[in-house]
Amino acid sequence: MSIVDLSGIEPNTGFEPMPAGDYLVKCEEASVEATRNGKGQYIKVKLSVVSPSEFENRKVFTNFNIHNPSEQAQKIGREQLVSFCECTGAKKKQMISLFYLMLMIF
């Protein structure tokens, strides 16, 4: 007995990469997560495209390594986070300030 009949349903193909370009995005979600091995933490960020309109509401995801046994990985992640905060105007010590910020990504 089948719970859901999927015969005749085509896969969703609407997730092709967006072409290189400039996109206005807003930060919808940001949370601190444990790394898979449990030995570190990262900030998980979900961005939503605002414009151009043909890509409106498409999602862009990024992570920032903030605690990691690898000093190099931690350094890179923190540098990326500082750059992100600077381009958005977010305060470096307040993750809550990341929410709903608008920024251009290239």
N, C-alpha and C. Protein backbone atom coordinates (compact mmCIF):
# COMPACT_ATOMS: atom_id res chain seq x y z
N MET A 1 0.84 -1.18 0.00
CA MET A 1 0.00 0.00 0.00
C MET A 1 0.88 1.25 0.00
N SER A 2 0.64 2.13 -0.95
CA SER A 2 1.41 3.36 -1.07
C SER A 2 0.76 4.47 -0.26
N ILE A 3 1.56 5.21 0.48
CA ILE A 3 1.05 6.34 1.26
C ILE A 3 0.79 7.54 0.35
N VAL A 4 1.71 7.75 -0.62
CA VAL A 4 1.58 8.87 -1.55
C VAL A 4 1.88 8.36 -2.95
N ASP A 5 1.00 8.61 -3.88
CA ASP A 5 1.21 8.22 -5.26
C ASP A 5 1.95 9.34 -5.98
N LEU A 6 3.21 9.11 -6.35
CA LEU A 6 4.02 10.12 -7.02
C LEU A 6 4.14 9.88 -8.52
N SER A 7 3.39 8.94 -9.04
CA SER A 7 3.45 8.68 -10.47
C SER A 7 2.93 9.90 -11.23
N GLY A 8 3.62 10.25 -12.29
CA GLY A 8 3.24 11.40 -13.11
C GLY A 8 3.72 12.73 -12.57
N ILE A 9 4.41 12.76 -11.43
CA ILE A 9 4.92 14.00 -10.85
C ILE A 9 6.36 14.20 -11.33
N GLU A 10 6.63 15.37 -11.90
CA GLU A 10 7.98 15.71 -12.35
C GLU A 10 8.75 16.38 -11.21
N PRO A 11 10.05 16.16 -11.14
CA PRO A 11 10.84 16.81 -10.08
C PRO A 11 10.86 18.33 -10.26
N ASN A 12 10.96 19.03 -9.15
CA ASN A 12 11.07 20.48 -9.17
C ASN A 12 12.46 20.85 -9.67
N THR A 13 12.52 21.62 -10.72
CA THR A 13 13.81 22.02 -11.28
C THR A 13 14.05 23.52 -11.11
N GLY A 14 13.38 24.14 -10.16
CA GLY A 14 13.47 25.58 -9.97
C GLY A 14 14.62 26.05 -9.11
N PHE A 15 15.63 25.24 -8.93
CA PHE A 15 16.71 25.62 -8.05
C PHE A 15 18.06 25.70 -8.77
N GLU A 16 18.02 26.12 -10.03
CA GLU A 16 19.27 26.32 -10.75
C GLU A 16 20.01 27.47 -10.08
N PRO A 17 21.33 27.46 -10.13
CA PRO A 17 22.08 28.58 -9.54
C PRO A 17 21.68 29.90 -10.21
N MET A 18 21.66 30.95 -9.42
CA MET A 18 21.40 32.28 -9.98
C MET A 18 22.65 32.71 -10.73
N PRO A 19 22.49 33.43 -11.82
CA PRO A 19 23.67 33.87 -12.56
C PRO A 19 24.48 34.89 -11.75
N ALA A 20 25.75 35.00 -12.08
CA ALA A 20 26.59 36.00 -11.42
C ALA A 20 25.96 37.36 -11.62
N GLY A 21 25.98 38.17 -10.59
CA GLY A 21 25.39 39.49 -10.67
C GLY A 21 25.25 40.10 -9.30
N ASP A 22 24.56 41.22 -9.23
CA ASP A 22 24.33 41.93 -7.98
C ASP A 22 22.91 41.62 -7.51
N TYR A 23 22.77 41.28 -6.23
CA TYR A 23 21.48 40.93 -5.66
C TYR A 23 21.30 41.66 -4.34
N LEU A 24 20.16 42.30 -4.16
CA LEU A 24 19.81 42.88 -2.88
C LEU A 24 19.14 41.77 -2.08
N VAL A 25 19.66 41.49 -0.90
CA VAL A 25 19.13 40.42 -0.06
C VAL A 25 18.86 40.95 1.34
N LYS A 26 18.00 40.24 2.07
CA LYS A 26 17.79 40.55 3.48
C LYS A 26 18.05 39.30 4.29
N CYS A 27 18.53 39.51 5.49
CA CYS A 27 18.80 38.39 6.39
C CYS A 27 17.49 38.00 7.07
N GLU A 28 17.05 36.76 6.85
CA GLU A 28 15.80 36.27 7.44
C GLU A 28 16.02 35.49 8.73
N GLU A 29 17.12 34.76 8.79
CA GLU A 29 17.38 33.93 9.96
C GLU A 29 18.86 33.89 10.23
N ALA A 30 19.20 33.81 11.51
CA ALA A 30 20.59 33.61 11.93
C ALA A 30 20.54 32.86 13.25
N SER A 31 21.29 31.77 13.34
CA SER A 31 21.29 30.99 14.57
C SER A 31 22.67 30.39 14.79
N VAL A 32 23.01 30.16 16.04
CA VAL A 32 24.26 29.51 16.40
C VAL A 32 23.98 28.01 16.46
N GLU A 33 24.79 27.25 15.73
CA GLU A 33 24.62 25.80 15.63
C GLU A 33 25.92 25.09 16.03
N ALA A 34 25.79 23.88 16.51
CA ALA A 34 26.96 23.05 16.81
C ALA A 34 27.45 22.41 15.51
N THR A 35 28.76 22.27 15.38
CA THR A 35 29.31 21.57 14.22
C THR A 35 28.93 20.10 14.31
N ARG A 36 29.03 19.41 13.19
CA ARG A 36 28.63 18.01 13.12
C ARG A 36 29.35 17.16 14.17
N ASN A 37 30.64 17.43 14.38
CA ASN A 37 31.40 16.62 15.35
C ASN A 37 31.22 17.11 16.79
N GLY A 38 30.48 18.21 16.98
CA GLY A 38 30.20 18.71 18.31
C GLY A 38 31.34 19.46 18.97
N LYS A 39 32.42 19.69 18.22
CA LYS A 39 33.60 20.34 18.81
C LYS A 39 33.71 21.81 18.47
N GLY A 40 32.71 22.35 17.80
CA GLY A 40 32.76 23.75 17.43
C GLY A 40 31.36 24.31 17.24
N GLN A 41 31.32 25.57 16.84
CA GLN A 41 30.05 26.24 16.57
C GLN A 41 30.19 27.13 15.34
N TYR A 42 29.05 27.35 14.69
CA TYR A 42 29.01 28.26 13.55
C TYR A 42 27.71 29.03 13.57
N ILE A 43 27.71 30.17 12.90
CA ILE A 43 26.49 30.94 12.74
C ILE A 43 25.93 30.59 11.37
N LYS A 44 24.71 30.11 11.38
CA LYS A 44 23.99 29.69 10.16
C LYS A 44 23.09 30.86 9.76
N VAL A 45 23.25 31.35 8.52
CA VAL A 45 22.51 32.52 8.06
C VAL A 45 21.69 32.17 6.82
N LYS A 46 20.44 32.62 6.82
CA LYS A 46 19.55 32.44 5.67
C LYS A 46 19.19 33.83 5.14
N LEU A 47 19.51 34.06 3.87
CA LEU A 47 19.22 35.33 3.21
C LEU A 47 18.13 35.11 2.18
N SER A 48 17.34 36.14 1.92
CA SER A 48 16.27 36.08 0.92
C SER A 48 16.48 37.21 -0.08
N VAL A 49 16.43 36.87 -1.36
CA VAL A 49 16.63 37.87 -2.41
C VAL A 49 15.43 38.81 -2.45
N VAL A 50 15.72 40.11 -2.49
CA VAL A 50 14.70 41.15 -2.60
C VAL A 50 14.60 41.62 -4.05
N SER A 51 15.75 41.81 -4.67
CA SER A 51 15.76 42.18 -6.09
C SER A 51 17.05 41.68 -6.72
N PRO A 52 17.04 41.44 -8.01
CA PRO A 52 16.01 41.74 -8.99
C PRO A 52 14.77 40.85 -8.79
N SER A 53 13.64 41.35 -9.27
CA SER A 53 12.36 40.71 -9.01
C SER A 53 12.26 39.29 -9.55
N GLU A 54 12.99 38.97 -10.61
CA GLU A 54 12.91 37.62 -11.16
C GLU A 54 13.45 36.57 -10.20
N PHE A 55 14.23 37.00 -9.21
CA PHE A 55 14.77 36.07 -8.21
C PHE A 55 14.23 36.36 -6.81
N GLU A 56 13.21 37.20 -6.72
CA GLU A 56 12.64 37.57 -5.44
C GLU A 56 12.24 36.33 -4.65
N ASN A 57 12.58 36.34 -3.39
CA ASN A 57 12.30 35.26 -2.42
C ASN A 57 13.18 34.02 -2.57
N ARG A 58 14.10 34.01 -3.54
CA ARG A 58 15.07 32.90 -3.59
C ARG A 58 15.95 32.99 -2.36
N LYS A 59 16.40 31.87 -1.87
CA LYS A 59 17.18 31.81 -0.64
C LYS A 59 18.66 31.62 -0.94
N VAL A 60 19.47 32.25 -0.12
CA VAL A 60 20.93 32.11 -0.17
C VAL A 60 21.35 31.77 1.26
N PHE A 61 22.19 30.75 1.41
CA PHE A 61 22.60 30.30 2.73
C PHE A 61 24.12 30.46 2.87
N THR A 62 24.54 30.81 4.08
CA THR A 62 25.96 30.86 4.36
C THR A 62 26.18 30.54 5.83
N ASN A 63 27.37 30.07 6.15
CA ASN A 63 27.75 29.75 7.53
C ASN A 63 29.05 30.46 7.86
N PHE A 64 29.18 30.85 9.13
CA PHE A 64 30.40 31.47 9.62
C PHE A 64 30.92 30.65 10.80
N ASN A 65 32.08 30.04 10.62
CA ASN A 65 32.73 29.26 11.67
C ASN A 65 33.17 30.21 12.77
N ILE A 66 32.67 30.04 14.00
CA ILE A 66 33.07 30.96 15.07
C ILE A 66 33.89 30.29 16.16
N HIS A 67 33.69 28.99 16.37
CA HIS A 67 34.51 28.21 17.31
C HIS A 67 34.85 26.91 16.61
N ASN A 68 36.17 26.63 16.50
CA ASN A 68 36.58 25.43 15.80
C ASN A 68 37.93 24.98 16.33
N PRO A 69 38.14 23.66 16.45
CA PRO A 69 39.46 23.17 16.88
C PRO A 69 40.58 23.62 15.94
N SER A 70 40.26 23.82 14.67
CA SER A 70 41.24 24.32 13.71
C SER A 70 41.31 25.84 13.84
N GLU A 71 42.44 26.35 14.31
CA GLU A 71 42.59 27.80 14.46
C GLU A 71 42.41 28.51 13.13
N GLN A 72 42.87 27.91 12.05
CA GLN A 72 42.75 28.53 10.72
C GLN A 72 41.29 28.63 10.29
N ALA A 73 40.53 27.55 10.48
CA ALA A 73 39.11 27.57 10.12
C ALA A 73 38.36 28.61 10.95
N GLN A 74 38.68 28.70 12.23
CA GLN A 74 38.05 29.68 13.11
C GLN A 74 38.41 31.10 12.69
N LYS A 75 39.68 31.32 12.37
CA LYS A 75 40.14 32.66 11.94
C LYS A 75 39.41 33.08 10.66
N ILE A 76 39.35 32.19 9.68
CA ILE A 76 38.68 32.50 8.41
C ILE A 76 37.20 32.81 8.66
N GLY A 77 36.52 31.98 9.43
CA GLY A 77 35.11 32.18 9.72
C GLY A 77 34.84 33.50 10.41
N ARG A 78 35.68 33.85 11.37
CA ARG A 78 35.49 35.11 12.09
C ARG A 78 35.79 36.31 11.20
N GLU A 79 36.79 36.19 10.34
CA GLU A 79 37.07 37.28 9.38
C GLU A 79 35.90 37.47 8.43
N GLN A 80 35.33 36.37 7.95
CA GLN A 80 34.16 36.47 7.06
C GLN A 80 32.98 37.10 7.79
N LEU A 81 32.78 36.74 9.05
CA LEU A 81 31.68 37.31 9.83
C LEU A 81 31.88 38.81 10.04
N VAL A 82 33.10 39.23 10.35
CA VAL A 82 33.38 40.66 10.51
C VAL A 82 33.09 41.40 9.20
N SER A 83 33.50 40.84 8.07
CA SER A 83 33.23 41.46 6.77
C SER A 83 31.73 41.57 6.53
N PHE A 84 31.00 40.51 6.85
CA PHE A 84 29.55 40.50 6.70
C PHE A 84 28.92 41.59 7.57
N CYS A 85 29.34 41.66 8.82
CA CYS A 85 28.81 42.68 9.73
C CYS A 85 29.11 44.09 9.24
N GLU A 86 30.33 44.30 8.75
CA GLU A 86 30.70 45.63 8.27
C GLU A 86 29.89 46.05 7.05
N CYS A 87 29.64 45.13 6.13
CA CYS A 87 28.90 45.52 4.93
C CYS A 87 27.42 45.70 5.21
N THR A 88 26.92 45.15 6.32
CA THR A 88 25.51 45.31 6.66
C THR A 88 25.27 46.40 7.69
N GLY A 89 26.33 46.82 8.37
CA GLY A 89 26.17 47.79 9.45
C GLY A 89 25.79 47.14 10.76
N ALA A 90 25.81 45.81 10.83
CA ALA A 90 25.46 45.10 12.06
C ALA A 90 26.55 45.30 13.10
N LYS A 91 26.15 45.30 14.33
CA LYS A 91 27.11 45.40 15.43
C LYS A 91 27.77 44.04 15.61
N LYS A 92 29.09 44.04 15.72
CA LYS A 92 29.84 42.80 15.79
C LYS A 92 29.51 41.95 17.01
N LYS A 93 29.06 42.54 18.09
CA LYS A 93 28.83 41.78 19.32
C LYS A 93 27.37 41.40 19.52
N GLN A 94 26.50 41.74 18.58
CA GLN A 94 25.08 41.45 18.76
C GLN A 94 24.53 40.72 17.54
N MET A 95 24.45 39.39 17.64
CA MET A 95 23.95 38.62 16.50
C MET A 95 22.53 39.01 16.14
N ILE A 96 21.75 39.43 17.13
CA ILE A 96 20.36 39.81 16.84
C ILE A 96 20.32 40.94 15.82
N SER A 97 21.39 41.74 15.74
CA SER A 97 21.40 42.85 14.79
C SER A 97 21.53 42.38 13.35
N LEU A 98 21.77 41.09 13.12
CA LEU A 98 21.85 40.55 11.76
C LEU A 98 20.47 40.41 11.12
N PHE A 99 19.45 40.24 11.94
CA PHE A 99 18.12 39.96 11.41
C PHE A 99 17.57 41.11 10.59
N TYR A 100 17.03 40.78 9.45
CA TYR A 100 16.33 41.69 8.55
C TYR A 100 17.21 42.80 7.99
N LEU A 101 18.51 42.63 8.05
CA LEU A 101 19.39 43.59 7.40
C LEU A 101 19.35 43.40 5.91
N MET A 102 19.56 44.47 5.20
CA MET A 102 19.60 44.43 3.74
C MET A 102 21.05 44.62 3.32
N LEU A 103 21.49 43.88 2.30
CA LEU A 103 22.82 44.05 1.79
C LEU A 103 22.87 43.58 0.34
N MET A 104 23.88 44.03 -0.36
CA MET A 104 24.10 43.60 -1.74
C MET A 104 25.11 42.46 -1.71
N ILE A 105 24.82 41.40 -2.46
CA ILE A 105 25.81 40.35 -2.65
C ILE A 105 26.18 40.31 -4.12
N PHE A 106 27.39 39.92 -4.39
CA PHE A 106 27.90 39.93 -5.77
C PHE A 106 28.36 38.54 -6.15
